Amino acid sequence: MLTEDRRFNSPQSVTRVIQILEALCASPGPMGLAQISRALNAPKSSIAALLRGLAEADFVIVSEGTYRLGPSAFGLGSALLEARRRLHSSDLVREGMRRLAERSGETVLFAVRDGSGDTMTYVDVIESRNTVRFAVSVGDRRPLYCTSGGRVLLAAMPDADLAGYFDRLEPTQLTSSTEVGKQRITELVAAAREGGAAQTVDQAADGVAGTAAVIRDAAGEAIGALIVAAPSSRFKDRAADLLRMVRDEATLVSRSLGHRTPAPGGAQR
């Protein structure tokens, strides 16, 4: 009996309970035991034991051998939504910016796409403590095509909106390195969409490198770009590390806002 208690109170069991609820939440209809087992890549015996406990607590309802979410799950969901409403999303973004500034030692920015759809505005900034650092003011605007934040925001746009942007685009040479070829910019945006992040060096201003990823809300909408801006001289040897930091933090903040990344098979994780 002691062995049984340990097994059901293990951290792995807690994780699987959450995964079961997420799988049922993402499913368009009730799921059978075999379906849940395949979705979680876990033995049916252990899943069945956890489902019994969830059913006893009304977190799932069993009907004709299938499982669906129960009233306790919906009650918990409502409570979580209310808690998130109290903790405003801007606070969660700001918290992520602080973590990223501490890890990277560089200036961290949050930018949103403007109503015109052709520029972005910096709405929050945490400056680096380094003597040589990138400095920008809240409210400053930048083009989308030549900035890391702009490119990930473009990558997050629906295809029709993105096509409209490129139809309007007339790139300007802001530095000697600014990419102004539409075909090449299109390829860079496609790469940002594929890789989930973008990096630029000396594109919008000489001596400045940027690394960015989008932050998404519970509905999957891109609410803005999380950006690390650094002097180009420091960026060269840190590009891979900064890319990993920004991706990780953008994912963490997005999850705190309720976003779940689609997993293979359509489930959310």
C-alpha atoms as a PDB file:
ATOM      1  CA  MET A   1       0.000   0.000   0.000  1.00  0.00           C
ATOM      2  CA  LEU A   2       2.908   2.337   0.767  1.00  0.00           C
ATOM      3  CA  THR A   3       4.297   1.723  -2.733  1.00  0.00           C
ATOM      4  CA  GLU A   4       0.898   2.561  -4.259  1.00  0.00           C
ATOM      5  CA  ASP A   5       0.681   5.886  -2.358  1.00  0.00           C
ATOM      6  CA  ARG A   6       4.144   6.886  -3.466  1.00  0.00           C
ATOM      7  CA  ARG A   7       3.332   6.101  -7.083  1.00  0.00           C
ATOM      8  CA  PHE A   8       0.167   8.229  -7.130  1.00  0.00           C
ATOM      9  CA  ASN A   9       1.753  11.132  -5.252  1.00  0.00           C
ATOM     10  CA  SER A  10       4.814  11.313  -7.473  1.00  0.00           C
ATOM     11  CA  PRO A  11       5.619  14.447  -9.477  1.00  0.00           C
ATOM     12  CA  GLN A  12       5.142  12.400 -12.650  1.00  0.00           C
ATOM     13  CA  SER A  13       1.563  11.607 -11.633  1.00  0.00           C
ATOM     14  CA  VAL A  14       0.847  15.297 -11.042  1.00  0.00           C
ATOM     15  CA  THR A  15       2.216  16.109 -14.492  1.00  0.00           C
ATOM     16  CA  ARG A  16       0.103  13.386 -16.089  1.00  0.00           C
ATOM     17  CA  VAL A  17      -3.049  14.616 -14.383  1.00  0.00           C
ATOM     18  CA  ILE A  18      -2.425  18.044 -15.925  1.00  0.00           C
ATOM     19  CA  GLN A  19      -1.705  16.441 -19.306  1.00  0.00           C
ATOM     20  CA  ILE A  20      -4.947  14.441 -19.124  1.00  0.00           C
ATOM     21  CA  LEU A  21      -6.966  17.588 -18.429  1.00  0.00           C
ATOM     22  CA  GLU A  22      -5.197  19.472 -21.237  1.00  0.00           C
ATOM     23  CA  ALA A  23      -5.827  16.610 -23.677  1.00  0.00           C
ATOM     24  CA  LEU A  24      -9.541  16.528 -22.794  1.00  0.00           C
ATOM     25  CA  CYS A  25      -9.683  20.301 -23.063  1.00  0.00           C
ATOM     26  CA  ALA A  26      -8.153  20.260 -26.555  1.00  0.00           C
ATOM     27  CA  SER A  27     -10.277  17.355 -27.814  1.00  0.00           C
ATOM     28  CA  PRO A  28     -13.410  18.207 -29.861  1.00  0.00           C
ATOM     29  CA  GLY A  29     -15.284  15.382 -28.137  1.00  0.00           C
ATOM     30  CA  PRO A  30     -15.022  12.715 -25.432  1.00  0.00           C
ATOM     31  CA  MET A  31     -11.898  10.554 -25.492  1.00  0.00           C
ATOM     32  CA  GLY A  32     -11.467   6.866 -24.859  1.00  0.00           C
ATOM     33  CA  LEU A  33      -8.774   5.430 -22.598  1.00  0.00           C
ATOM     34  CA  ALA A  34      -6.729   4.252 -25.585  1.00  0.00           C
ATOM     35  CA  GLN A  35      -6.870   7.727 -27.169  1.00  0.00           C
ATOM     36  CA  ILE A  36      -5.668   9.404 -23.988  1.00  0.00           C
ATOM     37  CA  SER A  37      -2.934   6.808 -23.559  1.00  0.00           C
ATOM     38  CA  ARG A  38      -1.670   7.453 -27.096  1.00  0.00           C
ATOM     39  CA  ALA A  39      -1.862  11.235 -26.718  1.00  0.00           C
ATOM     40  CA  LEU A  40       0.236  11.111 -23.542  1.00  0.00           C
ATOM     41  CA  ASN A  41       2.448   8.207 -24.661  1.00  0.00           C
ATOM     42  CA  ALA A  42       1.749   6.557 -21.307  1.00  0.00           C
ATOM     43  CA  PRO A  43       0.554   3.089 -20.237  1.00  0.00           C
ATOM     44  CA  LYS A  44      -3.217   2.612 -20.140  1.00  0.00           C
ATOM     45  CA  SER A  45      -3.017   1.116 -16.652  1.00  0.00           C
ATOM     46  CA  SER A  46      -1.515   4.241 -15.083  1.00  0.00           C
ATOM     47  CA  ILE A  47      -3.826   6.549 -17.042  1.00  0.00           C
ATOM     48  CA  ALA A  48      -6.875   4.535 -15.953  1.00  0.00           C
ATOM     49  CA  ALA A  49      -5.895   4.850 -12.293  1.00  0.00           C
ATOM     50  CA  LEU A  50      -5.520   8.614 -12.592  1.00  0.00           C
ATOM     51  CA  LEU A  51      -8.832   8.909 -14.447  1.00  0.00           C
ATOM     52  CA  ARG A  52     -10.604   7.089 -11.615  1.00  0.00           C
ATOM     53  CA  GLY A  53      -9.316   9.669  -9.158  1.00  0.00           C
ATOM     54  CA  LEU A  54     -10.299  12.545 -11.433  1.00  0.00           C
ATOM     55  CA  ALA A  55     -13.777  11.068 -11.853  1.00  0.00           C
ATOM     56  CA  GLU A  56     -14.232  10.757  -8.085  1.00  0.00           C
ATOM     57  CA  ALA A  57     -13.418  14.472  -7.754  1.00  0.00           C
ATOM     58  CA  ASP A  58     -15.757  15.383 -10.670  1.00  0.00           C
ATOM     59  CA  PHE A  59     -12.877  16.666 -12.797  1.00  0.00           C
ATOM     60  CA  VAL A  60     -13.902  14.174 -15.497  1.00  0.00           C
ATOM     61  CA  ILE A  61     -17.187  12.472 -16.351  1.00  0.00           C
ATOM     62  CA  VAL A  62     -17.219   8.866 -17.543  1.00  0.00           C
ATOM     63  CA  SER A  63     -19.861   7.851 -20.074  1.00  0.00           C
ATOM     64  CA  GLU A  64     -19.955   4.638 -22.099  1.00  0.00           C
ATOM     65  CA  GLY A  65     -16.223   4.116 -21.764  1.00  0.00           C
ATOM     66  CA  THR A  66     -15.245   7.638 -22.744  1.00  0.00           C
ATOM     67  CA  TYR A  67     -14.117  10.625 -20.711  1.00  0.00           C
ATOM     68  CA  ARG A  68     -14.903  14.338 -20.862  1.00  0.00           C
ATOM     69  CA  LEU A  69     -14.278  17.304 -18.581  1.00  0.00           C
ATOM     70  CA  GLY A  70     -16.483  17.545 -15.508  1.00  0.00           C
ATOM     71  CA  PRO A  71     -17.858  20.424 -13.425  1.00  0.00           C
ATOM     72  CA  SER A  72     -14.839  20.650 -11.118  1.00  0.00           C
ATOM     73  CA  ALA A  73     -12.564  21.195 -14.125  1.00  0.00           C
ATOM     74  CA  PHE A  74     -14.725  24.037 -15.388  1.00  0.00           C
ATOM     75  CA  GLY A  75     -14.859  25.552 -11.910  1.00  0.00           C
ATOM     76  CA  LEU A  76     -11.077  25.469 -11.702  1.00  0.00           C
ATOM     77  CA  GLY A  77     -10.833  27.002 -15.170  1.00  0.00           C
ATOM     78  CA  SER A  78     -13.067  29.893 -14.167  1.00  0.00           C
ATOM     79  CA  ALA A  79     -11.030  30.492 -11.032  1.00  0.00           C
ATOM     80  CA  LEU A  80      -7.798  30.517 -13.041  1.00  0.00           C
ATOM     81  CA  LEU A  81      -9.220  32.991 -15.546  1.00  0.00           C
ATOM     82  CA  GLU A  82     -10.250  35.293 -12.730  1.00  0.00           C
ATOM     83  CA  ALA A  83      -6.782  35.031 -11.175  1.00  0.00           C
ATOM     84  CA  ARG A  84      -5.200  35.901 -14.488  1.00  0.00           C
ATOM     85  CA  ARG A  85      -7.553  38.875 -14.886  1.00  0.00           C
ATOM     86  CA  ARG A  86      -6.427  40.174 -11.488  1.00  0.00           C
ATOM     87  CA  LEU A  87      -2.779  39.764 -12.454  1.00  0.00           C
ATOM     88  CA  HIS A  88      -2.785  42.007 -15.509  1.00  0.00           C
ATOM     89  CA  SER A  89      -0.997  40.743 -18.604  1.00  0.00           C
ATOM     90  CA  SER A  90       1.301  43.775 -18.681  1.00  0.00           C
ATOM     91  CA  ASP A  91       2.632  42.758 -15.259  1.00  0.00           C
ATOM     92  CA  LEU A  92       3.423  39.287 -16.572  1.00  0.00           C
ATOM     93  CA  VAL A  93       5.200  40.717 -19.610  1.00  0.00           C
ATOM     94  CA  ARG A  94       7.154  43.126 -17.414  1.00  0.00           C
ATOM     95  CA  GLU A  95       8.173  40.281 -15.114  1.00  0.00           C
ATOM     96  CA  GLY A  96       9.481  38.335 -18.100  1.00  0.00           C
ATOM     97  CA  MET A  97      11.381  41.384 -19.319  1.00  0.00           C
ATOM     98  CA  ARG A  98      13.098  41.690 -15.941  1.00  0.00           C
ATOM     99  CA  ARG A  99      14.142  38.044 -16.001  1.00  0.00           C
ATOM    100  CA  LEU A 100      15.487  38.398 -19.514  1.00  0.00           C
ATOM    101  CA  ALA A 101      17.378  41.608 -18.661  1.00  0.00           C
ATOM    102  CA  GLU A 102      19.037  39.857 -15.722  1.00  0.00           C
ATOM    103  CA  ARG A 103      19.987  36.796 -17.772  1.00  0.00           C
ATOM    104  CA  SER A 104      21.221  38.644 -20.826  1.00  0.00           C
ATOM    105  CA  GLY A 105      22.689  41.776 -19.255  1.00  0.00           C
ATOM    106  CA  GLU A 106      21.353  43.707 -22.258  1.00  0.00           C
ATOM    107  CA  THR A 107      18.510  46.147 -22.923  1.00  0.00           C
ATOM    108  CA  VAL A 108      15.119  44.428 -23.167  1.00  0.00           C
ATOM    109  CA  LEU A 109      12.141  45.918 -24.991  1.00  0.00           C
ATOM    110  CA  PHE A 110       8.521  45.105 -25.658  1.00  0.00           C
ATOM    111  CA  ALA A 111       7.057  46.369 -28.932  1.00  0.00           C
ATOM    112  CA  VAL A 112       3.585  46.230 -30.461  1.00  0.00           C
ATOM    113  CA  ARG A 113       2.477  46.612 -34.057  1.00  0.00           C
ATOM    114  CA  ASP A 114       0.841  49.955 -34.782  1.00  0.00           C
ATOM    115  CA  GLY A 115      -2.641  50.380 -36.163  1.00  0.00           C
ATOM    116  CA  SER A 116      -1.278  51.056 -39.641  1.00  0.00           C
ATOM    117  CA  GLY A 117       0.374  47.631 -39.575  1.00  0.00           C
ATOM    118  CA  ASP A 118       3.583  49.007 -41.112  1.00  0.00           C
ATOM    119  CA  THR A 119       5.506  50.066 -37.996  1.00  0.00           C
ATOM    120  CA  MET A 120       5.964  49.022 -34.380  1.00  0.00           C
ATOM    121  CA  THR A 121       6.172  51.070 -31.192  1.00  0.00           C
ATOM    122  CA  TYR A 122       8.277  50.346 -28.122  1.00  0.00           C
ATOM    123  CA  VAL A 123       5.848  50.339 -25.190  1.00  0.00           C
ATOM    124  CA  ASP A 124       8.182  49.171 -22.417  1.00  0.00           C
ATOM    125  CA  VAL A 125      11.956  49.211 -21.923  1.00  0.00           C
ATOM    126  CA  ILE A 126      14.409  47.905 -19.325  1.00  0.00           C
ATOM    127  CA  GLU A 127      17.857  49.347 -20.052  1.00  0.00           C
ATOM    128  CA  SER A 128      21.088  47.419 -19.639  1.00  0.00           C
ATOM    129  CA  ARG A 129      23.389  48.436 -16.790  1.00  0.00           C
ATOM    130  CA  ASN A 130      26.401  48.239 -19.102  1.00  0.00           C
ATOM    131  CA  THR A 131      28.144  51.524 -19.817  1.00  0.00           C
ATOM    132  CA  VAL A 132      27.887  50.806 -23.545  1.00  0.00           C
ATOM    133  CA  ARG A 133      24.289  49.829 -24.206  1.00  0.00           C
ATOM    134  CA  PHE A 134      21.368  50.281 -26.560  1.00  0.00           C
ATOM    135  CA  ALA A 135      19.073  53.104 -25.454  1.00  0.00           C
ATOM    136  CA  VAL A 136      15.593  53.855 -26.755  1.00  0.00           C
ATOM    137  CA  SER A 137      12.579  55.730 -25.414  1.00  0.00           C
ATOM    138  CA  VAL A 138       9.099  54.355 -24.831  1.00  0.00           C
ATOM    139  CA  GLY A 139       6.973  55.572 -27.720  1.00  0.00           C
ATOM    140  CA  ASP A 140       9.739  55.381 -30.343  1.00  0.00           C
ATOM    141  CA  ARG A 141       8.673  53.754 -33.610  1.00  0.00           C
ATOM    142  CA  ARG A 142      10.599  51.505 -35.951  1.00  0.00           C
ATOM    143  CA  PRO A 143       9.892  49.908 -39.369  1.00  0.00           C
ATOM    144  CA  LEU A 144       8.946  46.250 -39.388  1.00  0.00           C
ATOM    145  CA  TYR A 145      11.036  45.027 -42.314  1.00  0.00           C
ATOM    146  CA  CYS A 146      14.469  45.834 -40.852  1.00  0.00           C
ATOM    147  CA  THR A 147      14.094  45.077 -37.134  1.00  0.00           C
ATOM    148  CA  SER A 148      14.092  41.750 -35.310  1.00  0.00           C
ATOM    149  CA  GLY A 149      10.886  42.669 -33.471  1.00  0.00           C
ATOM    150  CA  GLY A 150       9.264  43.786 -36.695  1.00  0.00           C
ATOM    151  CA  ARG A 151      10.140  40.603 -38.509  1.00  0.00           C
ATOM    152  CA  VAL A 152       8.641  38.319 -35.858  1.00  0.00           C
ATOM    153  CA  LEU A 153       5.503  40.486 -35.792  1.00  0.00           C
ATOM    154  CA  LEU A 154       5.302  40.156 -39.574  1.00  0.00           C
ATOM    155  CA  ALA A 155       5.823  36.406 -39.262  1.00  0.00           C
ATOM    156  CA  ALA A 156       2.839  36.240 -36.892  1.00  0.00           C
ATOM    157  CA  MET A 157       0.496  38.037 -39.307  1.00  0.00           C
ATOM    158  CA  PRO A 158      -2.117  36.143 -41.353  1.00  0.00           C
ATOM    159  CA  ASP A 159      -0.940  35.435 -44.883  1.00  0.00           C
ATOM    160  CA  ALA A 160      -3.390  37.894 -46.478  1.00  0.00           C
ATOM    161  CA  ASP A 161      -2.289  40.741 -44.201  1.00  0.00           C
ATOM    162  CA  LEU A 162       1.356  39.901 -44.806  1.00  0.00           C
ATOM    163  CA  ALA A 163       0.839  39.964 -48.574  1.00  0.00           C
ATOM    164  CA  GLY A 164      -0.811  43.378 -48.252  1.00  0.00           C
ATOM    165  CA  TYR A 165       2.154  44.642 -46.254  1.00  0.00           C
ATOM    166  CA  PHE A 166       4.636  43.561 -48.908  1.00  0.00           C
ATOM    167  CA  ASP A 167       2.488  45.135 -51.614  1.00  0.00           C
ATOM    168  CA  ARG A 168       2.758  48.484 -49.776  1.00  0.00           C
ATOM    169  CA  LEU A 169       6.372  48.114 -48.699  1.00  0.00           C
ATOM    170  CA  GLU A 170       8.980  50.488 -50.092  1.00  0.00           C
ATOM    171  CA  PRO A 171      12.148  49.643 -48.121  1.00  0.00           C
ATOM    172  CA  THR A 172      14.509  52.473 -47.223  1.00  0.00           C
ATOM    173  CA  GLN A 173      18.270  52.083 -46.825  1.00  0.00           C
ATOM    174  CA  LEU A 174      18.736  53.129 -43.177  1.00  0.00           C
ATOM    175  CA  THR A 175      22.315  51.857 -42.899  1.00  0.00           C
ATOM    176  CA  SER A 176      24.844  50.441 -45.317  1.00  0.00           C
ATOM    177  CA  SER A 177      23.710  46.960 -44.185  1.00  0.00           C
ATOM    178  CA  THR A 178      19.922  47.428 -44.383  1.00  0.00           C
ATOM    179  CA  GLU A 179      18.284  44.695 -46.461  1.00  0.00           C
ATOM    180  CA  VAL A 180      16.003  46.397 -49.010  1.00  0.00           C
ATOM    181  CA  GLY A 181      15.331  43.526 -51.418  1.00  0.00           C
ATOM    182  CA  LYS A 182      11.696  42.475 -51.049  1.00  0.00           C
ATOM    183  CA  GLN A 183      12.392  38.874 -51.982  1.00  0.00           C
ATOM    184  CA  ARG A 184      15.139  38.596 -49.372  1.00  0.00           C
ATOM    185  CA  ILE A 185      12.986  40.269 -46.700  1.00  0.00           C
ATOM    186  CA  THR A 186      10.186  37.827 -47.535  1.00  0.00           C
ATOM    187  CA  GLU A 187      12.613  34.942 -47.020  1.00  0.00           C
ATOM    188  CA  LEU A 188      13.804  36.368 -43.690  1.00  0.00           C
ATOM    189  CA  VAL A 189      10.218  36.720 -42.439  1.00  0.00           C
ATOM    190  CA  ALA A 190       9.500  33.134 -43.527  1.00  0.00           C
ATOM    191  CA  ALA A 191      12.582  32.007 -41.583  1.00  0.00           C
ATOM    192  CA  ALA A 192      11.337  33.904 -38.515  1.00  0.00           C
ATOM    193  CA  ARG A 193       7.980  32.146 -38.816  1.00  0.00           C
ATOM    194  CA  GLU A 194       9.669  28.763 -39.132  1.00  0.00           C
ATOM    195  CA  GLY A 195      12.179  29.314 -36.318  1.00  0.00           C
ATOM    196  CA  GLY A 196       9.985  31.333 -33.962  1.00  0.00           C
ATOM    197  CA  ALA A 197      12.528  34.143 -33.643  1.00  0.00           C
ATOM    198  CA  ALA A 198      14.565  36.666 -35.624  1.00  0.00           C
ATOM    199  CA  GLN A 199      17.950  38.325 -35.318  1.00  0.00           C
ATOM    200  CA  THR A 200      19.261  41.452 -37.046  1.00  0.00           C
ATOM    201  CA  VAL A 201      22.636  43.200 -37.069  1.00  0.00           C
ATOM    202  CA  ASP A 202      23.122  46.838 -38.157  1.00  0.00           C
ATOM    203  CA  GLN A 203      19.808  46.842 -40.019  1.00  0.00           C
ATOM    204  CA  ALA A 204      17.859  49.774 -38.548  1.00  0.00           C
ATOM    205  CA  ALA A 205      20.869  51.507 -36.956  1.00  0.00           C
ATOM    206  CA  ASP A 206      24.622  51.042 -37.122  1.00  0.00           C
ATOM    207  CA  GLY A 207      26.143  49.208 -34.176  1.00  0.00           C
ATOM    208  CA  VAL A 208      22.877  47.655 -32.935  1.00  0.00           C
ATOM    209  CA  ALA A 209      21.856  43.984 -32.992  1.00  0.00           C
ATOM    210  CA  GLY A 210      18.435  42.653 -32.061  1.00  0.00           C
ATOM    211  CA  THR A 211      16.973  39.276 -31.122  1.00  0.00           C
ATOM    212  CA  ALA A 212      13.185  38.888 -30.869  1.00  0.00           C
ATOM    213  CA  ALA A 213      10.298  36.454 -30.442  1.00  0.00           C
ATOM    214  CA  VAL A 214       6.571  37.073 -30.193  1.00  0.00           C
ATOM    215  CA  ILE A 215       4.471  36.772 -27.056  1.00  0.00           C
ATOM    216  CA  ARG A 216       1.043  35.201 -27.558  1.00  0.00           C
ATOM    217  CA  ASP A 217      -2.105  35.282 -25.454  1.00  0.00           C
ATOM    218  CA  ALA A 218      -4.537  32.491 -24.598  1.00  0.00           C
ATOM    219  CA  ALA A 219      -6.239  32.845 -27.984  1.00  0.00           C
ATOM    220  CA  GLY A 220      -2.911  32.436 -29.783  1.00  0.00           C
ATOM    221  CA  GLU A 221      -2.802  36.059 -30.913  1.00  0.00           C
ATOM    222  CA  ALA A 222       0.607  37.760 -31.055  1.00  0.00           C
ATOM    223  CA  ILE A 223       0.302  40.649 -28.601  1.00  0.00           C
ATOM    224  CA  GLY A 224       3.826  41.975 -29.134  1.00  0.00           C
ATOM    225  CA  ALA A 225       7.505  41.260 -29.597  1.00  0.00           C
ATOM    226  CA  LEU A 226       9.974  40.566 -26.797  1.00  0.00           C
ATOM    227  CA  ILE A 227      13.338  41.968 -27.860  1.00  0.00           C
ATOM    228  CA  VAL A 228      16.918  41.974 -26.612  1.00  0.00           C
ATOM    229  CA  ALA A 229      18.935  44.837 -28.126  1.00  0.00           C
ATOM    230  CA  ALA A 230      22.710  44.838 -27.786  1.00  0.00           C
ATOM    231  CA  PRO A 231      25.718  46.580 -29.294  1.00  0.00           C
ATOM    232  CA  SER A 232      26.813  44.655 -32.381  1.00  0.00           C
ATOM    233  CA  SER A 233      30.284  44.284 -30.894  1.00  0.00           C
ATOM    234  CA  ARG A 234      28.918  42.180 -28.003  1.00  0.00           C
ATOM    235  CA  PHE A 235      26.359  40.331 -30.088  1.00  0.00           C
ATOM    236  CA  LYS A 236      28.755  38.431 -32.347  1.00  0.00           C
ATOM    237  CA  ASP A 237      29.916  35.914 -29.733  1.00  0.00           C
ATOM    238  CA  ARG A 238      26.518  35.662 -28.001  1.00  0.00           C
ATOM    239  CA  ALA A 239      24.069  35.278 -30.874  1.00  0.00           C
ATOM    240  CA  ALA A 240      23.099  31.663 -30.126  1.00  0.00           C
ATOM    241  CA  ASP A 241      22.770  32.251 -26.373  1.00  0.00           C
ATOM    242  CA  LEU A 242      20.629  35.352 -26.858  1.00  0.00           C
ATOM    243  CA  LEU A 243      18.418  33.503 -29.337  1.00  0.00           C
ATOM    244  CA  ARG A 244      17.810  30.724 -26.825  1.00  0.00           C
ATOM    245  CA  MET A 245      17.134  33.180 -23.970  1.00  0.00           C
ATOM    246  CA  VAL A 246      14.599  35.207 -25.930  1.00  0.00           C
ATOM    247  CA  ARG A 247      12.774  32.145 -27.275  1.00  0.00           C
ATOM    248  CA  ASP A 248      12.594  30.571 -23.820  1.00  0.00           C
ATOM    249  CA  GLU A 249      11.358  33.721 -22.101  1.00  0.00           C
ATOM    250  CA  ALA A 250       8.777  34.501 -24.797  1.00  0.00           C
ATOM    251  CA  THR A 251       7.444  30.962 -24.426  1.00  0.00           C
ATOM    252  CA  LEU A 252       7.337  31.265 -20.633  1.00  0.00           C
ATOM    253  CA  VAL A 253       5.482  34.596 -20.709  1.00  0.00           C
ATOM    254  CA  SER A 254       3.071  33.297 -23.348  1.00  0.00           C
ATOM    255  CA  ARG A 255       2.280  30.278 -21.177  1.00  0.00           C
ATOM    256  CA  SER A 256       1.663  32.567 -18.195  1.00  0.00           C
ATOM    257  CA  LEU A 257      -0.897  34.369 -20.373  1.00  0.00           C
ATOM    258  CA  GLY A 258      -2.657  31.090 -21.118  1.00  0.00           C
ATOM    259  CA  HIS A 259      -1.114  30.200 -24.485  1.00  0.00           C
ATOM    260  CA  ARG A 260      -0.535  26.540 -25.174  1.00  0.00           C
ATOM    261  CA  THR A 261       1.668  25.441 -28.066  1.00  0.00           C
ATOM    262  CA  PRO A 262       0.002  22.955 -30.427  1.00  0.00           C
ATOM    263  CA  ALA A 263       1.624  19.552 -30.082  1.00  0.00           C
ATOM    264  CA  PRO A 264       1.740  16.790 -32.726  1.00  0.00           C
ATOM    265  CA  GLY A 265      -1.782  15.491 -33.292  1.00  0.00           C
ATOM    266  CA  GLY A 266      -3.413  18.831 -32.482  1.00  0.00           C
ATOM    267  CA  ALA A 267      -3.316  18.592 -28.671  1.00  0.00           C
ATOM    268  CA  GLN A 268      -2.182  21.574 -26.623  1.00  0.00           C
ATOM    269  CA  ARG A 269       0.787  21.535 -24.311  1.00  0.00           C
END
